[in-house]
């Protein structure tokens, strides 16, 4: 369980990034009357940023784990 600890929050962080960007896009669409363009743009940008951070973090954790052995 101790080895899995650093990985447990990654899924939540990925989902939170996507959801936050969705709501930001939705808010801006309502303000600028551009529905649904900004929702789509911000959701995909949030997914890309979230996946990038997820992969980067997993690779860093794996490197630390390899060096620790």
PDB file of N, CA and C in Angstrom:
ATOM      1  N   UNK A   1       0.827  -1.194   0.000  1.00  0.00           N
ATOM      2  CA  UNK A   1       0.000   0.000   0.000  1.00  0.00           C
ATOM      3  C   UNK A   1       0.872   1.260   0.000  1.00  0.00           C
ATOM      4  N   UNK A   2       1.998   1.185   0.639  1.00  0.00           N
ATOM      5  CA  UNK A   2       2.894   2.337   0.703  1.00  0.00           C
ATOM      6  C   UNK A   2       3.418   2.706  -0.682  1.00  0.00           C
ATOM      7  N   UNK A   3       3.625   1.720  -1.522  1.00  0.00           N
ATOM      8  CA  UNK A   3       4.116   1.985  -2.881  1.00  0.00           C
ATOM      9  C   UNK A   3       3.041   2.613  -3.754  1.00  0.00           C
ATOM     10  N   UNK A   4       1.776   2.307  -3.480  1.00  0.00           N
ATOM     11  CA  UNK A   4       0.675   2.829  -4.286  1.00  0.00           C
ATOM     12  C   UNK A   4       0.263   4.236  -3.865  1.00  0.00           C
ATOM     13  N   UNK A   5       0.655   4.666  -2.693  1.00  0.00           N
ATOM     14  CA  UNK A   5       0.239   5.956  -2.151  1.00  0.00           C
ATOM     15  C   UNK A   5       0.427   7.137  -3.077  1.00  0.00           C
ATOM     16  N   UNK A   6       1.614   7.323  -3.654  1.00  0.00           N
ATOM     17  CA  UNK A   6       1.813   8.489  -4.528  1.00  0.00           C
ATOM     18  C   UNK A   6       0.940   8.482  -5.787  1.00  0.00           C
ATOM     19  N   UNK A   7       0.448   7.330  -6.185  1.00  0.00           N
ATOM     20  CA  UNK A   7      -0.343   7.225  -7.410  1.00  0.00           C
ATOM     21  C   UNK A   7      -1.841   7.445  -7.177  1.00  0.00           C
ATOM     22  N   UNK A   8      -2.279   7.387  -5.926  1.00  0.00           N
ATOM     23  CA  UNK A   8      -3.715   7.401  -5.635  1.00  0.00           C
ATOM     24  C   UNK A   8      -4.413   8.701  -6.033  1.00  0.00           C
ATOM     25  N   UNK A   9      -3.778   9.823  -5.911  1.00  0.00           N
ATOM     26  CA  UNK A   9      -4.422  11.091  -6.220  1.00  0.00           C
ATOM     27  C   UNK A   9      -4.355  11.497  -7.684  1.00  0.00           C
ATOM     28  N   UNK A  10      -3.645  10.738  -8.492  1.00  0.00           N
ATOM     29  CA  UNK A  10      -3.456  11.146  -9.891  1.00  0.00           C
ATOM     30  C   UNK A  10      -4.748  11.128 -10.699  1.00  0.00           C
ATOM     31  N   UNK A  11      -5.580  10.141 -10.504  1.00  0.00           N
ATOM     32  CA  UNK A  11      -6.848  10.075 -11.235  1.00  0.00           C
ATOM     33  C   UNK A  11      -7.766  11.223 -10.882  1.00  0.00           C
ATOM     34  N   UNK A  12      -7.815  11.531  -9.599  1.00  0.00           N
ATOM     35  CA  UNK A  12      -8.638  12.652  -9.136  1.00  0.00           C
ATOM     36  C   UNK A  12      -8.126  13.964  -9.697  1.00  0.00           C
ATOM     37  N   UNK A  13      -6.818  14.117  -9.720  1.00  0.00           N
ATOM     38  CA  UNK A  13      -6.221  15.339 -10.256  1.00  0.00           C
ATOM     39  C   UNK A  13      -6.526  15.485 -11.749  1.00  0.00           C
ATOM     40  N   UNK A  14      -6.455  14.389 -12.485  1.00  0.00           N
ATOM     41  CA  UNK A  14      -6.776  14.413 -13.915  1.00  0.00           C
ATOM     42  C   UNK A  14      -8.226  14.813 -14.131  1.00  0.00           C
ATOM     43  N   UNK A  15      -9.134  14.180 -13.391  1.00  0.00           N
ATOM     44  CA  UNK A  15     -10.560  14.488 -13.536  1.00  0.00           C
ATOM     45  C   UNK A  15     -10.861  15.922 -13.132  1.00  0.00           C
ATOM     46  N   UNK A  16     -10.244  16.394 -12.064  1.00  0.00           N
ATOM     47  CA  UNK A  16     -10.496  17.757 -11.596  1.00  0.00           C
ATOM     48  C   UNK A  16     -10.039  18.790 -12.621  1.00  0.00           C
ATOM     49  N   UNK A  17      -8.924  18.527 -13.282  1.00  0.00           N
ATOM     50  CA  UNK A  17      -8.434  19.453 -14.309  1.00  0.00           C
ATOM     51  C   UNK A  17      -9.423  19.546 -15.468  1.00  0.00           C
ATOM     52  N   UNK A  18      -9.909  18.413 -15.918  1.00  0.00           N
ATOM     53  CA  UNK A  18     -10.860  18.395 -17.038  1.00  0.00           C
ATOM     54  C   UNK A  18     -12.160  19.092 -16.659  1.00  0.00           C
ATOM     55  N   UNK A  19     -12.679  18.783 -15.473  1.00  0.00           N
ATOM     56  CA  UNK A  19     -13.942  19.384 -15.028  1.00  0.00           C
ATOM     57  C   UNK A  19     -13.794  20.895 -14.839  1.00  0.00           C
ATOM     58  N   UNK A  20     -12.695  21.321 -14.247  1.00  0.00           N
ATOM     59  CA  UNK A  20     -12.475  22.758 -14.033  1.00  0.00           C
ATOM     60  C   UNK A  20     -12.402  23.502 -15.366  1.00  0.00           C
ATOM     61  N   UNK A  21     -11.714  22.932 -16.330  1.00  0.00           N
ATOM     62  CA  UNK A  21     -11.606  23.586 -17.635  1.00  0.00           C
ATOM     63  C   UNK A  21     -12.958  23.586 -18.359  1.00  0.00           C
ATOM     64  N   UNK A  22     -13.752  22.533 -18.177  1.00  0.00           N
ATOM     65  CA  UNK A  22     -15.094  22.500 -18.761  1.00  0.00           C
ATOM     66  C   UNK A  22     -15.929  23.668 -18.240  1.00  0.00           C
ATOM     67  N   UNK A  23     -15.922  23.843 -16.912  1.00  0.00           N
ATOM     68  CA  UNK A  23     -16.737  24.914 -16.332  1.00  0.00           C
ATOM     69  C   UNK A  23     -16.199  26.298 -16.690  1.00  0.00           C
ATOM     70  N   UNK A  24     -14.887  26.427 -16.834  1.00  0.00           N
ATOM     71  CA  UNK A  24     -14.330  27.697 -17.298  1.00  0.00           C
ATOM     72  C   UNK A  24     -14.802  27.991 -18.724  1.00  0.00           C
ATOM     73  N   UNK A  25     -14.767  26.993 -19.586  1.00  0.00           N
ATOM     74  CA  UNK A  25     -15.253  27.159 -20.954  1.00  0.00           C
ATOM     75  C   UNK A  25     -16.735  27.488 -20.996  1.00  0.00           C
ATOM     76  N   UNK A  26     -17.501  26.826 -20.134  1.00  0.00           N
ATOM     77  CA  UNK A  26     -18.946  27.083 -20.076  1.00  0.00           C
ATOM     78  C   UNK A  26     -19.222  28.522 -19.632  1.00  0.00           C
ATOM     79  N   UNK A  27     -18.495  28.969 -18.606  1.00  0.00           N
ATOM     80  CA  UNK A  27     -18.659  30.343 -18.115  1.00  0.00           C
ATOM     81  C   UNK A  27     -18.321  31.349 -19.214  1.00  0.00           C
ATOM     82  N   UNK A  28     -17.197  31.134 -19.889  1.00  0.00           N
ATOM     83  CA  UNK A  28     -16.804  32.065 -20.946  1.00  0.00           C
ATOM     84  C   UNK A  28     -17.772  32.026 -22.127  1.00  0.00           C
ATOM     85  N   UNK A  29     -18.291  30.853 -22.449  1.00  0.00           N
ATOM     86  CA  UNK A  29     -19.298  30.759 -23.514  1.00  0.00           C
ATOM     87  C   UNK A  29     -20.535  31.585 -23.169  1.00  0.00           C
ATOM     88  N   UNK A  30     -20.968  31.520 -21.919  1.00  0.00           N
ATOM     89  CA  UNK A  30     -22.145  32.297 -21.508  1.00  0.00           C
ATOM     90  C   UNK A  30     -21.860  33.797 -21.571  1.00  0.00           C
ATOM     91  N   UNK A  31     -20.652  34.193 -21.187  1.00  0.00           N
ATOM     92  CA  UNK A  31     -20.302  35.605 -21.179  1.00  0.00           C
ATOM     93  C   UNK A  31     -20.127  36.155 -22.599  1.00  0.00           C
ATOM     94  N   UNK A  32     -19.540  35.345 -23.468  1.00  0.00           N
ATOM     95  CA  UNK A  32     -19.221  35.808 -24.819  1.00  0.00           C
ATOM     96  C   UNK A  32     -20.234  35.356 -25.872  1.00  0.00           C
ATOM     97  N   UNK A  33     -21.226  34.566 -25.447  1.00  0.00           N
ATOM     98  CA  UNK A  33     -22.272  34.066 -26.340  1.00  0.00           C
ATOM     99  C   UNK A  33     -21.678  33.300 -27.532  1.00  0.00           C
ATOM    100  N   UNK A  34     -20.795  32.359 -27.217  1.00  0.00           N
ATOM    101  CA  UNK A  34     -20.130  31.566 -28.259  1.00  0.00           C
ATOM    102  C   UNK A  34     -20.399  30.078 -28.108  1.00  0.00           C
ATOM    103  N   UNK A  35     -21.492  29.707 -27.449  1.00  0.00           N
ATOM    104  CA  UNK A  35     -21.793  28.302 -27.161  1.00  0.00           C
ATOM    105  C   UNK A  35     -21.757  27.467 -28.422  1.00  0.00           C
ATOM    106  N   UNK A  36     -21.158  26.326 -28.463  1.00  0.00           N
ATOM    107  CA  UNK A  36     -20.396  25.523 -27.517  1.00  0.00           C
ATOM    108  C   UNK A  36     -18.892  25.543 -27.799  1.00  0.00           C
ATOM    109  N   UNK A  37     -18.419  26.519 -28.526  1.00  0.00           N
ATOM    110  CA  UNK A  37     -17.032  26.522 -28.993  1.00  0.00           C
ATOM    111  C   UNK A  37     -16.043  26.491 -27.829  1.00  0.00           C
ATOM    112  N   UNK A  38     -16.182  27.385 -26.882  1.00  0.00           N
ATOM    113  CA  UNK A  38     -15.198  27.465 -25.801  1.00  0.00           C
ATOM    114  C   UNK A  38     -15.292  26.287 -24.840  1.00  0.00           C
ATOM    115  N   UNK A  39     -16.481  25.726 -24.674  1.00  0.00           N
ATOM    116  CA  UNK A  39     -16.594  24.517 -23.847  1.00  0.00           C
ATOM    117  C   UNK A  39     -15.725  23.417 -24.442  1.00  0.00           C
ATOM    118  N   UNK A  40     -15.829  23.226 -25.737  1.00  0.00           N
ATOM    119  CA  UNK A  40     -15.043  22.178 -26.396  1.00  0.00           C
ATOM    120  C   UNK A  40     -13.552  22.469 -26.341  1.00  0.00           C
ATOM    121  N   UNK A  41     -13.176  23.698 -26.632  1.00  0.00           N
ATOM    122  CA  UNK A  41     -11.756  24.065 -26.637  1.00  0.00           C
ATOM    123  C   UNK A  41     -11.146  23.882 -25.252  1.00  0.00           C
ATOM    124  N   UNK A  42     -11.804  24.407 -24.239  1.00  0.00           N
ATOM    125  CA  UNK A  42     -11.254  24.327 -22.894  1.00  0.00           C
ATOM    126  C   UNK A  42     -11.284  22.900 -22.343  1.00  0.00           C
ATOM    127  N   UNK A  43     -12.304  22.122 -22.687  1.00  0.00           N
ATOM    128  CA  UNK A  43     -12.358  20.736 -22.227  1.00  0.00           C
ATOM    129  C   UNK A  43     -11.212  19.935 -22.832  1.00  0.00           C
ATOM    130  N   UNK A  44     -10.984  20.079 -24.127  1.00  0.00           N
ATOM    131  CA  UNK A  44      -9.878  19.350 -24.754  1.00  0.00           C
ATOM    132  C   UNK A  44      -8.519  19.854 -24.263  1.00  0.00           C
ATOM    133  N   UNK A  45      -8.411  21.148 -24.029  1.00  0.00           N
ATOM    134  CA  UNK A  45      -7.160  21.680 -23.481  1.00  0.00           C
ATOM    135  C   UNK A  45      -6.935  21.160 -22.067  1.00  0.00           C
ATOM    136  N   UNK A  46      -7.985  21.075 -21.274  1.00  0.00           N
ATOM    137  CA  UNK A  46      -7.875  20.517 -19.928  1.00  0.00           C
ATOM    138  C   UNK A  46      -7.496  19.043 -19.946  1.00  0.00           C
ATOM    139  N   UNK A  47      -8.069  18.301 -20.893  1.00  0.00           N
ATOM    140  CA  UNK A  47      -7.720  16.881 -21.018  1.00  0.00           C
ATOM    141  C   UNK A  47      -6.260  16.718 -21.417  1.00  0.00           C
ATOM    142  N   UNK A  48      -5.808  17.532 -22.352  1.00  0.00           N
ATOM    143  CA  UNK A  48      -4.410  17.454 -22.789  1.00  0.00           C
ATOM    144  C   UNK A  48      -3.464  17.832 -21.651  1.00  0.00           C
ATOM    145  N   UNK A  49      -3.772  18.903 -20.946  1.00  0.00           N
ATOM    146  CA  UNK A  49      -2.920  19.326 -19.833  1.00  0.00           C
ATOM    147  C   UNK A  49      -2.940  18.295 -18.709  1.00  0.00           C
ATOM    148  N   UNK A  50      -4.110  17.762 -18.420  1.00  0.00           N
ATOM    149  CA  UNK A  50      -4.228  16.750 -17.373  1.00  0.00           C
ATOM    150  C   UNK A  50      -3.467  15.482 -17.715  1.00  0.00           C
ATOM    151  N   UNK A  51      -3.582  15.019 -18.957  1.00  0.00           N
ATOM    152  CA  UNK A  51      -2.855  13.823 -19.378  1.00  0.00           C
ATOM    153  C   UNK A  51      -1.351  14.058 -19.378  1.00  0.00           C
ATOM    154  N   UNK A  52      -0.932  15.231 -19.809  1.00  0.00           N
ATOM    155  CA  UNK A  52       0.494  15.556 -19.785  1.00  0.00           C
ATOM    156  C   UNK A  52       1.032  15.487 -18.353  1.00  0.00           C
ATOM    157  N   UNK A  53       0.315  16.127 -17.431  1.00  0.00           N
ATOM    158  CA  UNK A  53       0.737  16.126 -16.033  1.00  0.00           C
ATOM    159  C   UNK A  53       0.704  14.718 -15.447  1.00  0.00           C
ATOM    160  N   UNK A  54      -0.309  13.937 -15.792  1.00  0.00           N
ATOM    161  CA  UNK A  54      -0.437  12.558 -15.313  1.00  0.00           C
ATOM    162  C   UNK A  54       0.758  11.720 -15.757  1.00  0.00           C
ATOM    163  N   UNK A  55       1.072  11.776 -17.038  1.00  0.00           N
ATOM    164  CA  UNK A  55       2.183  10.993 -17.577  1.00  0.00           C
ATOM    165  C   UNK A  55       3.506  11.458 -16.995  1.00  0.00           C
ATOM    166  N   UNK A  56       3.708  12.773 -16.913  1.00  0.00           N
ATOM    167  CA  UNK A  56       4.943  13.318 -16.359  1.00  0.00           C
ATOM    168  C   UNK A  56       5.140  12.873 -14.909  1.00  0.00           C
ATOM    169  N   UNK A  57       4.087  12.926 -14.122  1.00  0.00           N
ATOM    170  CA  UNK A  57       4.170  12.539 -12.719  1.00  0.00           C
ATOM    171  C   UNK A  57       4.450  11.053 -12.562  1.00  0.00           C
ATOM    172  N   UNK A  58       3.781  10.221 -13.357  1.00  0.00           N
ATOM    173  CA  UNK A  58       4.016   8.776 -13.281  1.00  0.00           C
ATOM    174  C   UNK A  58       5.449   8.443 -13.663  1.00  0.00           C
ATOM    175  N   UNK A  59       5.972   9.067 -14.697  1.00  0.00           N
ATOM    176  CA  UNK A  59       7.357   8.812 -15.090  1.00  0.00           C
ATOM    177  C   UNK A  59       8.333   9.248 -14.001  1.00  0.00           C
ATOM    178  N   UNK A  60       8.082  10.400 -13.380  1.00  0.00           N
ATOM    179  CA  UNK A  60       8.946  10.864 -12.292  1.00  0.00           C
ATOM    180  C   UNK A  60       8.892   9.925 -11.091  1.00  0.00           C
ATOM    181  N   UNK A  61       7.698   9.456 -10.738  1.00  0.00           N
ATOM    182  CA  UNK A  61       7.569   8.539  -9.611  1.00  0.00           C
ATOM    183  C   UNK A  61       8.260   7.208  -9.899  1.00  0.00           C
ATOM    184  N   UNK A  62       8.152   6.742 -11.135  1.00  0.00           N
ATOM    185  CA  UNK A  62       8.826   5.492 -11.501  1.00  0.00           C
ATOM    186  C   UNK A  62      10.338   5.646 -11.453  1.00  0.00           C
ATOM    187  N   UNK A  63      10.842   6.796 -11.867  1.00  0.00           N
ATOM    188  CA  UNK A  63      12.291   7.041 -11.799  1.00  0.00           C
ATOM    189  C   UNK A  63      12.774   7.060 -10.347  1.00  0.00           C
ATOM    190  N   UNK A  64      12.018   7.711  -9.477  1.00  0.00           N
ATOM    191  CA  UNK A  64      12.378   7.750  -8.062  1.00  0.00           C
ATOM    192  C   UNK A  64      12.376   6.347  -7.465  1.00  0.00           C
ATOM    193  N   UNK A  65      11.372   5.554  -7.868  1.00  0.00           N
ATOM    194  CA  UNK A  65      11.260   4.195  -7.345  1.00  0.00           C
ATOM    195  C   UNK A  65      12.439   3.335  -7.825  1.00  0.00           C
ATOM    196  N   UNK A  66      12.851   3.508  -9.069  1.00  0.00           N
ATOM    197  CA  UNK A  66      13.985   2.748  -9.598  1.00  0.00           C
ATOM    198  C   UNK A  66      15.274   3.138  -8.905  1.00  0.00           C
ATOM    199  N   UNK A  67      15.462   4.420  -8.645  1.00  0.00           N
ATOM    200  CA  UNK A  67      16.685   4.884  -7.978  1.00  0.00           C
ATOM    201  C   UNK A  67      16.718   4.427  -6.522  1.00  0.00           C
ATOM    202  N   UNK A  68      15.555   4.270  -5.916  1.00  0.00           N
ATOM    203  CA  UNK A  68      15.478   3.856  -4.532  1.00  0.00           C
ATOM    204  C   UNK A  68      15.811   2.390  -4.312  1.00  0.00           C
ATOM    205  N   UNK A  69      15.769   1.584  -5.363  1.00  0.00           N
ATOM    206  CA  UNK A  69      16.035   0.139  -5.225  1.00  0.00           C
ATOM    207  C   UNK A  69      17.499  -0.159  -5.257  1.00  0.00           C
TER     208      UNK A  69
END
